[in-house]
Amino acid sequence: MSESSDTSTNAAAVESESASVSKPASAPAKAKGQSGVHGRLWELLAFGLLYALAVVGFVYLASESSAAVDYWQLLVGIVAVIALFAGWSRTRRGFFGYLITTLLHWGALILVLYLLLLHSGHLNLDVQSAGMLLIYVLGLGCLLAGIHLDIRMLILGAYLIGGGLLMQGWIDTGAIDTKLVEGYLSHDVAVLIGAAVIAFVLTFFFGLFSPKRAR
């Protein structure tokens, strides 16, 4: 009798210890899940902001305001910062490897843009041409970042280049019906907004199903 009671007592003690261990262990898992959700939400909002700023930039450039070039220069820096932080959660490289690669990528892009704009006077570029130059180089930088760092940047780069082609009349969008909003927006702006929404949805799905870096 004493042996059986001792055995049952030991079993109960083991169960209570395992239960006490499992409860604290579930807390980090829950915190990790919440952190992942918050991270995805932050990335979603960041990319949504980029597409909204890009649409505003296209409209601003269409007005032929000289400040539109300054706006796109500022947007280059914003894209670089968001790409740096958003891509970090997806990379399989080490921290320093990813940091160096990303800084070299965007640093080289900004340097090229600076040199081009520095000599824009010698190239006789007007506001529209200088703005388009910024858009195409930024779009190319995003495409390359999408190939090597974060595929979501590939979508943004395609949108920027496509938007630039549309603004210059190299893409025919006459078949797209925008009559519902033409009382409020021009045809080109409506197409740009619609394309931005589609690109944002694609970005969301790629972000949802692409693997995140193991923490």
N, C-alpha and C. Protein backbone atom coordinates (compact mmCIF):
# COMPACT_ATOMS: atom_id res chain seq x y z
N MET A 1 0.83 -1.20 0.00
CA MET A 1 0.00 0.00 0.00
C MET A 1 0.87 1.25 0.00
N SER A 2 1.89 1.26 0.81
CA SER A 2 2.74 2.45 0.91
C SER A 2 3.47 2.71 -0.40
N GLU A 3 3.91 1.59 -1.07
CA GLU A 3 4.62 1.75 -2.34
C GLU A 3 3.70 2.34 -3.40
N SER A 4 2.44 1.84 -3.48
CA SER A 4 1.50 2.35 -4.49
C SER A 4 1.15 3.80 -4.22
N SER A 5 0.99 4.15 -2.92
CA SER A 5 0.66 5.54 -2.60
C SER A 5 1.83 6.46 -2.94
N ASP A 6 3.07 5.98 -2.69
CA ASP A 6 4.24 6.78 -3.04
C ASP A 6 4.33 6.99 -4.54
N THR A 7 4.00 5.92 -5.30
CA THR A 7 4.05 6.02 -6.76
C THR A 7 3.05 7.03 -7.29
N SER A 8 1.82 6.96 -6.74
CA SER A 8 0.78 7.90 -7.18
C SER A 8 1.14 9.33 -6.80
N THR A 9 1.76 9.48 -5.62
CA THR A 9 2.17 10.82 -5.19
C THR A 9 3.24 11.39 -6.10
N ASN A 10 4.22 10.53 -6.47
CA ASN A 10 5.28 10.98 -7.37
C ASN A 10 4.74 11.35 -8.74
N ALA A 11 3.77 10.54 -9.23
CA ALA A 11 3.17 10.82 -10.54
C ALA A 11 2.44 12.15 -10.53
N ALA A 12 1.71 12.39 -9.42
CA ALA A 12 0.98 13.66 -9.31
C ALA A 12 1.95 14.84 -9.26
N ALA A 13 3.08 14.63 -8.56
CA ALA A 13 4.07 15.71 -8.47
C ALA A 13 4.67 16.01 -9.83
N VAL A 14 4.95 14.95 -10.60
CA VAL A 14 5.51 15.13 -11.94
C VAL A 14 4.54 15.87 -12.84
N GLU A 15 3.24 15.49 -12.75
CA GLU A 15 2.23 16.14 -13.58
C GLU A 15 2.10 17.62 -13.23
N SER A 16 2.13 17.92 -11.91
CA SER A 16 2.02 19.32 -11.50
C SER A 16 3.22 20.13 -11.96
N GLU A 17 4.42 19.50 -11.91
CA GLU A 17 5.62 20.19 -12.36
C GLU A 17 5.58 20.46 -13.85
N SER A 18 5.12 19.44 -14.63
CA SER A 18 5.05 19.62 -16.08
C SER A 18 4.03 20.67 -16.45
N ALA A 19 2.93 20.72 -15.68
CA ALA A 19 1.90 21.73 -15.94
C ALA A 19 2.43 23.12 -15.65
N SER A 20 3.20 23.24 -14.54
CA SER A 20 3.74 24.55 -14.19
C SER A 20 4.78 25.00 -15.20
N VAL A 21 5.50 24.04 -15.81
CA VAL A 21 6.49 24.38 -16.82
C VAL A 21 5.83 24.76 -18.13
N SER A 22 4.75 24.04 -18.50
CA SER A 22 4.10 24.28 -19.78
C SER A 22 3.40 25.62 -19.82
N LYS A 23 2.90 26.09 -18.68
CA LYS A 23 2.20 27.38 -18.66
C LYS A 23 3.14 28.53 -19.00
N PRO A 24 4.30 28.64 -18.33
CA PRO A 24 5.21 29.72 -18.72
C PRO A 24 5.72 29.57 -20.14
N ALA A 25 5.89 28.30 -20.60
CA ALA A 25 6.42 28.09 -21.95
C ALA A 25 5.46 28.57 -23.01
N SER A 26 4.15 28.54 -22.70
CA SER A 26 3.17 28.99 -23.69
C SER A 26 3.18 30.50 -23.84
N ALA A 27 3.65 31.21 -22.82
CA ALA A 27 3.67 32.68 -22.88
C ALA A 27 4.61 33.19 -23.96
N PRO A 28 5.87 32.68 -24.06
CA PRO A 28 6.74 33.14 -25.15
C PRO A 28 6.17 32.82 -26.52
N ALA A 29 5.52 31.65 -26.66
CA ALA A 29 4.94 31.29 -27.95
C ALA A 29 3.84 32.27 -28.33
N LYS A 30 3.02 32.64 -27.34
CA LYS A 30 1.95 33.61 -27.60
C LYS A 30 2.53 34.97 -27.95
N ALA A 31 3.56 35.37 -27.22
CA ALA A 31 4.20 36.66 -27.50
C ALA A 31 4.83 36.66 -28.88
N LYS A 32 5.41 35.52 -29.27
CA LYS A 32 6.02 35.41 -30.59
C LYS A 32 4.98 35.54 -31.68
N GLY A 33 3.80 34.91 -31.47
CA GLY A 33 2.73 35.02 -32.45
C GLY A 33 2.22 36.44 -32.58
N GLN A 34 2.06 37.12 -31.44
CA GLN A 34 1.62 38.51 -31.48
C GLN A 34 2.65 39.40 -32.16
N SER A 35 3.93 39.13 -31.91
CA SER A 35 4.99 39.90 -32.55
C SER A 35 4.97 39.72 -34.06
N GLY A 36 4.70 38.46 -34.51
CA GLY A 36 4.62 38.20 -35.94
C GLY A 36 3.47 38.94 -36.60
N VAL A 37 2.32 38.97 -35.93
CA VAL A 37 1.16 39.69 -36.46
C VAL A 37 1.44 41.18 -36.53
N HIS A 38 2.04 41.72 -35.48
CA HIS A 38 2.36 43.15 -35.47
C HIS A 38 3.38 43.49 -36.55
N GLY A 39 4.35 42.57 -36.76
CA GLY A 39 5.34 42.80 -37.80
C GLY A 39 4.72 42.83 -39.19
N ARG A 40 3.83 41.89 -39.46
CA ARG A 40 3.15 41.86 -40.76
C ARG A 40 2.28 43.09 -40.94
N LEU A 41 1.61 43.53 -39.88
CA LEU A 41 0.77 44.72 -39.97
C LEU A 41 1.61 45.95 -40.26
N TRP A 42 2.76 46.05 -39.59
CA TRP A 42 3.66 47.19 -39.84
C TRP A 42 4.12 47.20 -41.29
N GLU A 43 4.52 46.04 -41.80
CA GLU A 43 4.98 45.96 -43.18
C GLU A 43 3.87 46.31 -44.15
N LEU A 44 2.66 45.86 -43.87
CA LEU A 44 1.51 46.14 -44.73
C LEU A 44 1.24 47.64 -44.78
N LEU A 45 1.25 48.29 -43.64
CA LEU A 45 1.02 49.73 -43.58
C LEU A 45 2.15 50.49 -44.29
N ALA A 46 3.37 50.01 -44.15
CA ALA A 46 4.51 50.67 -44.77
C ALA A 46 4.41 50.62 -46.29
N PHE A 47 4.08 49.46 -46.83
CA PHE A 47 3.95 49.35 -48.28
C PHE A 47 2.73 50.11 -48.79
N GLY A 48 1.65 50.13 -48.01
CA GLY A 48 0.50 50.93 -48.37
C GLY A 48 0.87 52.41 -48.46
N LEU A 49 1.69 52.86 -47.52
CA LEU A 49 2.16 54.24 -47.53
C LEU A 49 3.00 54.52 -48.78
N LEU A 50 3.85 53.57 -49.17
CA LEU A 50 4.69 53.77 -50.35
C LEU A 50 3.85 53.93 -51.61
N TYR A 51 2.82 53.08 -51.76
CA TYR A 51 1.97 53.19 -52.95
C TYR A 51 1.18 54.49 -52.95
N ALA A 52 0.72 54.91 -51.79
CA ALA A 52 -0.01 56.18 -51.70
C ALA A 52 0.91 57.35 -52.06
N LEU A 53 2.13 57.33 -51.54
CA LEU A 53 3.09 58.39 -51.85
C LEU A 53 3.47 58.38 -53.32
N ALA A 54 3.54 57.20 -53.92
CA ALA A 54 3.87 57.11 -55.34
C ALA A 54 2.77 57.73 -56.20
N VAL A 55 1.51 57.45 -55.86
CA VAL A 55 0.39 58.04 -56.61
C VAL A 55 0.43 59.56 -56.49
N VAL A 56 0.64 60.06 -55.28
CA VAL A 56 0.74 61.51 -55.07
C VAL A 56 1.90 62.08 -55.88
N GLY A 57 3.01 61.35 -55.94
CA GLY A 57 4.16 61.81 -56.70
C GLY A 57 3.88 61.90 -58.18
N PHE A 58 3.16 60.93 -58.73
CA PHE A 58 2.80 60.97 -60.15
C PHE A 58 1.91 62.18 -60.44
N VAL A 59 0.92 62.39 -59.59
CA VAL A 59 0.01 63.53 -59.78
C VAL A 59 0.78 64.84 -59.64
N TYR A 60 1.67 64.89 -58.68
CA TYR A 60 2.47 66.10 -58.44
C TYR A 60 3.35 66.40 -59.64
N LEU A 61 3.95 65.37 -60.20
CA LEU A 61 4.83 65.56 -61.36
C LEU A 61 4.03 65.99 -62.58
N ALA A 62 2.81 65.49 -62.71
CA ALA A 62 1.97 65.87 -63.84
C ALA A 62 1.63 67.36 -63.81
N SER A 63 1.64 67.95 -62.61
CA SER A 63 1.37 69.39 -62.50
C SER A 63 2.56 70.24 -62.93
N GLU A 64 3.71 69.57 -63.19
CA GLU A 64 4.93 70.22 -63.66
C GLU A 64 5.47 71.25 -62.66
N SER A 65 5.22 70.99 -61.39
CA SER A 65 5.79 71.84 -60.35
C SER A 65 7.25 71.47 -60.14
N SER A 66 8.09 72.48 -59.97
CA SER A 66 9.52 72.21 -59.78
C SER A 66 9.79 71.46 -58.48
N ALA A 67 8.88 71.59 -57.52
CA ALA A 67 9.04 70.88 -56.24
C ALA A 67 8.79 69.39 -56.38
N ALA A 68 8.22 68.95 -57.50
CA ALA A 68 7.95 67.52 -57.70
C ALA A 68 9.25 66.72 -57.73
N VAL A 69 10.31 67.31 -58.27
CA VAL A 69 11.60 66.62 -58.29
C VAL A 69 12.12 66.42 -56.87
N ASP A 70 11.99 67.45 -56.05
CA ASP A 70 12.40 67.32 -54.64
C ASP A 70 11.56 66.27 -53.92
N TYR A 71 10.29 66.21 -54.27
CA TYR A 71 9.40 65.21 -53.66
C TYR A 71 9.89 63.80 -53.98
N TRP A 72 10.25 63.55 -55.23
CA TRP A 72 10.69 62.21 -55.61
C TRP A 72 12.06 61.89 -55.02
N GLN A 73 12.90 62.90 -54.84
CA GLN A 73 14.17 62.65 -54.15
C GLN A 73 13.93 62.21 -52.71
N LEU A 74 12.99 62.86 -52.05
CA LEU A 74 12.64 62.47 -50.68
C LEU A 74 12.05 61.07 -50.66
N LEU A 75 11.24 60.75 -51.67
CA LEU A 75 10.60 59.43 -51.72
C LEU A 75 11.63 58.32 -51.90
N VAL A 76 12.71 58.60 -52.61
CA VAL A 76 13.78 57.61 -52.75
C VAL A 76 14.32 57.21 -51.38
N GLY A 77 14.57 58.19 -50.53
CA GLY A 77 15.05 57.89 -49.19
C GLY A 77 14.05 57.11 -48.36
N ILE A 78 12.77 57.46 -48.48
CA ILE A 78 11.73 56.75 -47.73
C ILE A 78 11.65 55.30 -48.17
N VAL A 79 11.70 55.07 -49.49
CA VAL A 79 11.66 53.70 -50.01
C VAL A 79 12.85 52.90 -49.50
N ALA A 80 14.03 53.51 -49.49
CA ALA A 80 15.24 52.81 -49.04
C ALA A 80 15.12 52.40 -47.57
N VAL A 81 14.61 53.29 -46.73
CA VAL A 81 14.49 52.99 -45.30
C VAL A 81 13.47 51.87 -45.07
N ILE A 82 12.32 51.96 -45.72
CA ILE A 82 11.29 50.93 -45.55
C ILE A 82 11.77 49.59 -46.09
N ALA A 83 12.47 49.61 -47.22
CA ALA A 83 13.00 48.37 -47.79
C ALA A 83 14.00 47.73 -46.84
N LEU A 84 14.80 48.54 -46.17
CA LEU A 84 15.80 48.02 -45.23
C LEU A 84 15.15 47.27 -44.08
N PHE A 85 14.13 47.86 -43.46
CA PHE A 85 13.51 47.25 -42.29
C PHE A 85 12.53 46.15 -42.67
N ALA A 86 11.78 46.33 -43.75
CA ALA A 86 10.80 45.31 -44.15
C ALA A 86 11.49 44.05 -44.66
N GLY A 87 12.59 44.21 -45.37
CA GLY A 87 13.29 43.05 -45.91
C GLY A 87 14.04 42.26 -44.86
N TRP A 88 14.39 42.91 -43.74
CA TRP A 88 15.16 42.22 -42.69
C TRP A 88 14.40 41.04 -42.13
N SER A 89 13.07 41.14 -42.01
CA SER A 89 12.29 40.05 -41.43
C SER A 89 12.17 38.87 -42.38
N ARG A 90 12.58 39.05 -43.65
CA ARG A 90 12.41 37.98 -44.65
C ARG A 90 13.74 37.34 -45.04
N THR A 91 14.83 38.00 -44.75
CA THR A 91 16.11 37.51 -45.24
C THR A 91 16.55 36.24 -44.51
N ARG A 92 17.27 35.41 -45.22
CA ARG A 92 17.85 34.20 -44.62
C ARG A 92 19.34 34.41 -44.31
N ARG A 93 19.82 35.61 -44.61
CA ARG A 93 21.22 35.91 -44.33
C ARG A 93 21.37 36.38 -42.89
N GLY A 94 22.62 36.47 -42.47
CA GLY A 94 22.89 37.03 -41.16
C GLY A 94 22.64 38.53 -41.15
N PHE A 95 22.59 39.09 -39.96
CA PHE A 95 22.26 40.51 -39.83
C PHE A 95 23.25 41.39 -40.58
N PHE A 96 24.54 41.18 -40.35
CA PHE A 96 25.54 42.05 -40.96
C PHE A 96 25.62 41.84 -42.47
N GLY A 97 25.46 40.60 -42.92
CA GLY A 97 25.46 40.35 -44.35
C GLY A 97 24.32 41.06 -45.06
N TYR A 98 23.13 40.97 -44.46
CA TYR A 98 21.97 41.64 -45.05
C TYR A 98 22.13 43.15 -44.98
N LEU A 99 22.60 43.66 -43.86
CA LEU A 99 22.75 45.10 -43.68
C LEU A 99 23.73 45.68 -44.70
N ILE A 100 24.87 45.02 -44.87
CA ILE A 100 25.87 45.51 -45.81
C ILE A 100 25.35 45.47 -47.24
N THR A 101 24.70 44.35 -47.62
CA THR A 101 24.15 44.22 -48.97
C THR A 101 23.12 45.29 -49.26
N THR A 102 22.21 45.50 -48.32
CA THR A 102 21.14 46.48 -48.52
C THR A 102 21.68 47.90 -48.58
N LEU A 103 22.60 48.23 -47.68
CA LEU A 103 23.18 49.57 -47.68
C LEU A 103 23.97 49.84 -48.95
N LEU A 104 24.70 48.84 -49.43
CA LEU A 104 25.43 49.01 -50.69
C LEU A 104 24.47 49.20 -51.86
N HIS A 105 23.39 48.43 -51.86
CA HIS A 105 22.41 48.53 -52.96
C HIS A 105 21.81 49.92 -53.03
N TRP A 106 21.22 50.37 -51.92
CA TRP A 106 20.53 51.65 -51.93
C TRP A 106 21.52 52.82 -51.92
N GLY A 107 22.68 52.63 -51.31
CA GLY A 107 23.69 53.68 -51.36
C GLY A 107 24.17 53.94 -52.78
N ALA A 108 24.39 52.86 -53.54
CA ALA A 108 24.81 53.00 -54.93
C ALA A 108 23.72 53.68 -55.76
N LEU A 109 22.47 53.30 -55.50
CA LEU A 109 21.35 53.91 -56.24
C LEU A 109 21.26 55.41 -55.96
N ILE A 110 21.34 55.79 -54.69
CA ILE A 110 21.26 57.21 -54.33
C ILE A 110 22.44 57.98 -54.91
N LEU A 111 23.62 57.37 -54.94
CA LEU A 111 24.79 58.03 -55.51
C LEU A 111 24.60 58.28 -57.00
N VAL A 112 24.08 57.29 -57.71
CA VAL A 112 23.82 57.45 -59.15
C VAL A 112 22.81 58.56 -59.40
N LEU A 113 21.74 58.57 -58.61
CA LEU A 113 20.73 59.62 -58.77
C LEU A 113 21.33 61.00 -58.48
N TYR A 114 22.16 61.07 -57.46
CA TYR A 114 22.79 62.35 -57.12
C TYR A 114 23.66 62.85 -58.27
N LEU A 115 24.45 61.96 -58.86
CA LEU A 115 25.32 62.35 -59.97
C LEU A 115 24.51 62.77 -61.19
N LEU A 116 23.42 62.05 -61.45
CA LEU A 116 22.58 62.40 -62.60
C LEU A 116 21.93 63.76 -62.41
N LEU A 117 21.41 64.01 -61.21
CA LEU A 117 20.76 65.29 -60.95
C LEU A 117 21.78 66.42 -60.88
N LEU A 118 23.00 66.09 -60.46
CA LEU A 118 24.06 67.10 -60.39
C LEU A 118 24.38 67.63 -61.78
N HIS A 119 24.30 66.74 -62.76
CA HIS A 119 24.61 67.13 -64.14
C HIS A 119 23.35 67.31 -64.98
N SER A 120 22.19 67.42 -64.32
CA SER A 120 20.94 67.57 -65.08
C SER A 120 20.93 68.87 -65.87
N GLY A 121 21.64 69.90 -65.36
CA GLY A 121 21.71 71.16 -66.10
C GLY A 121 22.44 70.99 -67.42
N HIS A 122 23.50 70.18 -67.41
CA HIS A 122 24.24 69.92 -68.64
C HIS A 122 23.43 69.05 -69.60
N LEU A 123 22.52 68.26 -69.05
CA LEU A 123 21.69 67.40 -69.89
C LEU A 123 20.44 68.12 -70.40
N ASN A 124 20.25 69.36 -69.94
CA ASN A 124 19.09 70.16 -70.35
C ASN A 124 17.77 69.45 -70.04
N LEU A 125 17.65 68.94 -68.82
CA LEU A 125 16.43 68.24 -68.42
C LEU A 125 15.45 69.23 -67.80
N ASP A 126 14.20 69.17 -68.26
CA ASP A 126 13.17 69.97 -67.62
C ASP A 126 12.63 69.21 -66.41
N VAL A 127 11.63 69.79 -65.73
CA VAL A 127 11.08 69.17 -64.52
C VAL A 127 10.51 67.79 -64.83
N GLN A 128 9.76 67.68 -65.92
CA GLN A 128 9.14 66.41 -66.27
C GLN A 128 10.19 65.33 -66.54
N SER A 129 11.21 65.69 -67.30
CA SER A 129 12.25 64.72 -67.65
C SER A 129 13.06 64.31 -66.43
N ALA A 130 13.40 65.28 -65.57
CA ALA A 130 14.16 64.96 -64.36
C ALA A 130 13.35 64.07 -63.43
N GLY A 131 12.05 64.37 -63.32
CA GLY A 131 11.18 63.53 -62.48
C GLY A 131 11.08 62.11 -63.01
N MET A 132 10.92 61.98 -64.32
CA MET A 132 10.84 60.65 -64.92
C MET A 132 12.15 59.88 -64.75
N LEU A 133 13.26 60.60 -64.83
CA LEU A 133 14.56 59.96 -64.60
C LEU A 133 14.62 59.38 -63.20
N LEU A 134 14.17 60.15 -62.22
CA LEU A 134 14.14 59.66 -60.84
C LEU A 134 13.25 58.44 -60.71
N ILE A 135 12.08 58.49 -61.33
CA ILE A 135 11.11 57.39 -61.22
C ILE A 135 11.67 56.11 -61.82
N TYR A 136 12.27 56.21 -63.01
CA TYR A 136 12.78 55.02 -63.67
C TYR A 136 13.97 54.41 -62.93
N VAL A 137 14.87 55.25 -62.45
CA VAL A 137 16.02 54.72 -61.70
C VAL A 137 15.56 54.11 -60.38
N LEU A 138 14.62 54.76 -59.71
CA LEU A 138 14.07 54.19 -58.47
C LEU A 138 13.35 52.88 -58.76
N GLY A 139 12.58 52.85 -59.85
CA GLY A 139 11.89 51.61 -60.22
C GLY A 139 12.87 50.48 -60.50
N LEU A 140 13.96 50.80 -61.20
CA LEU A 140 14.99 49.79 -61.47
C LEU A 140 15.63 49.31 -60.17
N GLY A 141 15.90 50.24 -59.26
CA GLY A 141 16.46 49.85 -57.97
C GLY A 141 15.54 48.93 -57.19
N CYS A 142 14.24 49.21 -57.25
CA CYS A 142 13.26 48.36 -56.56
C CYS A 142 13.18 46.98 -57.21
N LEU A 143 13.26 46.94 -58.55
CA LEU A 143 13.25 45.64 -59.24
C LEU A 143 14.44 44.79 -58.82
N LEU A 144 15.62 45.38 -58.78
CA LEU A 144 16.81 44.64 -58.38
C LEU A 144 16.73 44.22 -56.91
N ALA A 145 16.19 45.11 -56.06
CA ALA A 145 16.02 44.74 -54.66
C ALA A 145 15.02 43.60 -54.52
N GLY A 146 14.01 43.58 -55.38
CA GLY A 146 13.04 42.49 -55.35
C GLY A 146 13.64 41.15 -55.75
N ILE A 147 14.60 41.19 -56.67
CA ILE A 147 15.24 39.95 -57.12
C ILE A 147 16.20 39.42 -56.06
N HIS A 148 16.95 40.30 -55.42
CA HIS A 148 18.02 39.87 -54.52
C HIS A 148 17.65 39.93 -53.04
N LEU A 149 16.68 40.78 -52.66
CA LEU A 149 16.44 41.00 -51.23
C LEU A 149 15.01 40.67 -50.80
N ASP A 150 14.02 41.30 -51.41
CA ASP A 150 12.64 41.16 -50.97
C ASP A 150 11.73 41.24 -52.19
N ILE A 151 11.03 40.15 -52.49
CA ILE A 151 10.24 40.08 -53.72
C ILE A 151 9.15 41.14 -53.77
N ARG A 152 8.72 41.64 -52.64
CA ARG A 152 7.67 42.66 -52.63
C ARG A 152 8.15 43.96 -53.25
N MET A 153 9.45 44.22 -53.19
CA MET A 153 10.00 45.40 -53.84
C MET A 153 9.94 45.26 -55.36
N LEU A 154 9.92 44.04 -55.85
CA LEU A 154 9.79 43.80 -57.29
C LEU A 154 8.45 44.34 -57.79
N ILE A 155 7.40 44.14 -57.01
CA ILE A 155 6.07 44.63 -57.39
C ILE A 155 6.06 46.15 -57.39
N LEU A 156 6.67 46.76 -56.39
CA LEU A 156 6.73 48.22 -56.33
C LEU A 156 7.51 48.78 -57.51
N GLY A 157 8.63 48.13 -57.85
CA GLY A 157 9.42 48.59 -58.98
C GLY A 157 8.66 48.52 -60.29
N ALA A 158 7.93 47.42 -60.49
CA ALA A 158 7.12 47.28 -61.70
C ALA A 158 6.04 48.36 -61.76
N TYR A 159 5.46 48.67 -60.60
CA TYR A 159 4.43 49.72 -60.56
C TYR A 159 5.02 51.08 -60.92
N LEU A 160 6.18 51.40 -60.37
CA LEU A 160 6.80 52.69 -60.65
C LEU A 160 7.15 52.84 -62.12
N ILE A 161 7.74 51.82 -62.70
CA ILE A 161 8.11 51.89 -64.11
C ILE A 161 6.86 51.94 -64.99
N GLY A 162 5.86 51.12 -64.66
CA GLY A 162 4.62 51.15 -65.42
C GLY A 162 3.92 52.49 -65.31
N GLY A 163 3.93 53.08 -64.11
CA GLY A 163 3.33 54.40 -63.92
C GLY A 163 4.04 55.47 -64.73
N GLY A 164 5.37 55.38 -64.78
CA GLY A 164 6.13 56.33 -65.59
C GLY A 164 5.80 56.21 -67.07
N LEU A 165 5.70 54.98 -67.56
CA LEU A 165 5.34 54.77 -68.96
C LEU A 165 3.94 55.29 -69.25
N LEU A 166 3.03 55.11 -68.30
CA LEU A 166 1.67 55.61 -68.47
C LEU A 166 1.66 57.14 -68.52
N MET A 167 2.42 57.78 -67.64
CA MET A 167 2.45 59.24 -67.61
C MET A 167 3.03 59.82 -68.90
N GLN A 168 3.91 59.08 -69.54
CA GLN A 168 4.50 59.55 -70.78
C GLN A 168 3.71 59.13 -72.01
N GLY A 169 2.60 58.45 -71.80
CA GLY A 169 1.74 58.06 -72.90
C GLY A 169 2.22 56.86 -73.69
N TRP A 170 3.13 56.08 -73.10
CA TRP A 170 3.65 54.91 -73.80
C TRP A 170 2.81 53.65 -73.55
N ILE A 171 1.85 53.75 -72.66
CA ILE A 171 0.93 52.64 -72.40
C ILE A 171 -0.48 53.11 -72.70
N ASP A 172 -1.18 52.38 -73.56
CA ASP A 172 -2.55 52.74 -73.93
C ASP A 172 -3.51 52.10 -72.94
N THR A 173 -4.22 52.94 -72.20
CA THR A 173 -5.19 52.45 -71.21
C THR A 173 -6.62 52.82 -71.60
N GLY A 174 -6.83 53.09 -72.89
CA GLY A 174 -8.15 53.50 -73.34
C GLY A 174 -9.21 52.43 -73.14
N ALA A 175 -8.77 51.16 -73.12
CA ALA A 175 -9.74 50.07 -72.95
C ALA A 175 -10.22 49.94 -71.51
N ILE A 176 -9.57 50.61 -70.58
CA ILE A 176 -9.97 50.54 -69.17
C ILE A 176 -11.08 51.56 -68.91
N ASP A 177 -12.20 51.08 -68.43
CA ASP A 177 -13.36 51.94 -68.19
C ASP A 177 -13.24 52.62 -66.83
N THR A 178 -13.17 53.94 -66.85
CA THR A 178 -13.09 54.70 -65.59
C THR A 178 -14.20 55.75 -65.51
N LYS A 179 -15.32 55.48 -66.19
CA LYS A 179 -16.40 56.47 -66.23
C LYS A 179 -17.00 56.74 -64.86
N LEU A 180 -16.97 55.76 -63.98
CA LEU A 180 -17.58 55.93 -62.65
C LEU A 180 -16.87 57.00 -61.82
N VAL A 181 -15.60 57.20 -62.08
CA VAL A 181 -14.84 58.15 -61.26
C VAL A 181 -14.32 59.34 -62.05
N GLU A 182 -14.64 59.41 -63.33
CA GLU A 182 -14.09 60.49 -64.15
C GLU A 182 -14.63 61.86 -63.74
N GLY A 183 -15.73 61.89 -63.00
CA GLY A 183 -16.21 63.17 -62.49
C GLY A 183 -15.35 63.71 -61.37
N TYR A 184 -14.53 62.83 -60.78
CA TYR A 184 -13.68 63.22 -59.65
C TYR A 184 -12.19 63.14 -59.99
N LEU A 185 -11.83 62.20 -60.86
CA LEU A 185 -10.43 61.98 -61.19
C LEU A 185 -10.26 61.90 -62.70
N SER A 186 -9.07 62.25 -63.17
CA SER A 186 -8.77 62.06 -64.58
C SER A 186 -8.59 60.57 -64.86
N HIS A 187 -8.62 60.21 -66.13
CA HIS A 187 -8.50 58.80 -66.51
C HIS A 187 -7.16 58.22 -66.05
N ASP A 188 -6.08 58.95 -66.30
CA ASP A 188 -4.76 58.44 -65.94
C ASP A 188 -4.60 58.27 -64.43
N VAL A 189 -5.10 59.24 -63.66
CA VAL A 189 -5.01 59.14 -62.20
C VAL A 189 -5.82 57.96 -61.69
N ALA A 190 -7.01 57.75 -62.27
CA ALA A 190 -7.84 56.61 -61.86
C ALA A 190 -7.14 55.30 -62.15
N VAL A 191 -6.47 55.21 -63.30
CA VAL A 191 -5.73 53.99 -63.64
C VAL A 191 -4.56 53.80 -62.69
N LEU A 192 -3.86 54.88 -62.36
CA LEU A 192 -2.73 54.79 -61.43
C LEU A 192 -3.19 54.30 -60.06
N ILE A 193 -4.32 54.82 -59.59
CA ILE A 193 -4.84 54.40 -58.28
C ILE A 193 -5.27 52.94 -58.33
N GLY A 194 -5.96 52.55 -59.40
CA GLY A 194 -6.38 51.15 -59.54
C GLY A 194 -5.20 50.21 -59.59
N ALA A 195 -4.16 50.59 -60.34
CA ALA A 195 -2.96 49.76 -60.41
C ALA A 195 -2.25 49.69 -59.06
N ALA A 196 -2.27 50.80 -58.31
CA ALA A 196 -1.65 50.80 -56.98
C ALA A 196 -2.39 49.86 -56.04
N VAL A 197 -3.71 49.83 -56.13
CA VAL A 197 -4.50 48.93 -55.29
C VAL A 197 -4.18 47.47 -55.63
N ILE A 198 -4.11 47.16 -56.92
CA ILE A 198 -3.79 45.79 -57.34
C ILE A 198 -2.39 45.41 -56.86
N ALA A 199 -1.43 46.31 -57.03
CA ALA A 199 -0.06 46.03 -56.59
C ALA A 199 0.00 45.84 -55.08
N PHE A 200 -0.78 46.63 -54.35
CA PHE A 200 -0.80 46.50 -52.89
C PHE A 200 -1.38 45.15 -52.47
N VAL A 201 -2.43 44.70 -53.15
CA VAL A 201 -3.03 43.40 -52.84
C VAL A 201 -2.02 42.28 -53.12
N LEU A 202 -1.31 42.38 -54.25
CA LEU A 202 -0.28 41.38 -54.55
C LEU A 202 0.82 41.40 -53.50
N THR A 203 1.19 42.59 -53.07
CA THR A 203 2.21 42.71 -52.02
C THR A 203 1.74 42.05 -50.73
N PHE A 204 0.46 42.23 -50.42
CA PHE A 204 -0.10 41.62 -49.21
C PHE A 204 -0.02 40.10 -49.28
N PHE A 205 -0.41 39.51 -50.43
CA PHE A 205 -0.40 38.06 -50.54
C PHE A 205 1.02 37.50 -50.55
N PHE A 206 1.93 38.18 -51.23
CA PHE A 206 3.32 37.72 -51.20
C PHE A 206 3.88 37.80 -49.79
N GLY A 207 3.54 38.86 -49.06
CA GLY A 207 3.99 38.98 -47.68
C GLY A 207 3.37 37.96 -46.77
N LEU A 208 2.13 37.56 -47.09
CA LEU A 208 1.41 36.61 -46.25
C LEU A 208 1.98 35.21 -46.38
N PHE A 209 2.36 34.83 -47.60
CA PHE A 209 2.77 33.46 -47.84
C PHE A 209 4.28 33.27 -47.95
N SER A 210 5.02 34.36 -48.08
CA SER A 210 6.48 34.20 -48.13
C SER A 210 7.00 33.94 -46.72
N PRO A 211 7.99 33.07 -46.59
CA PRO A 211 8.48 32.72 -45.25
C PRO A 211 9.19 33.88 -44.59
N LYS A 212 9.00 33.99 -43.27
CA LYS A 212 9.70 35.00 -42.48
C LYS A 212 10.97 34.39 -41.90
N ARG A 213 11.89 35.25 -41.57
CA ARG A 213 13.15 34.79 -40.98
C ARG A 213 12.89 34.13 -39.64
N ALA A 214 13.53 33.00 -39.41
CA ALA A 214 13.39 32.31 -38.13
C ALA A 214 14.03 33.15 -37.04
N ARG A 215 13.31 33.32 -35.92
CA ARG A 215 13.80 34.15 -34.81
C ARG A 215 14.33 33.27 -33.69
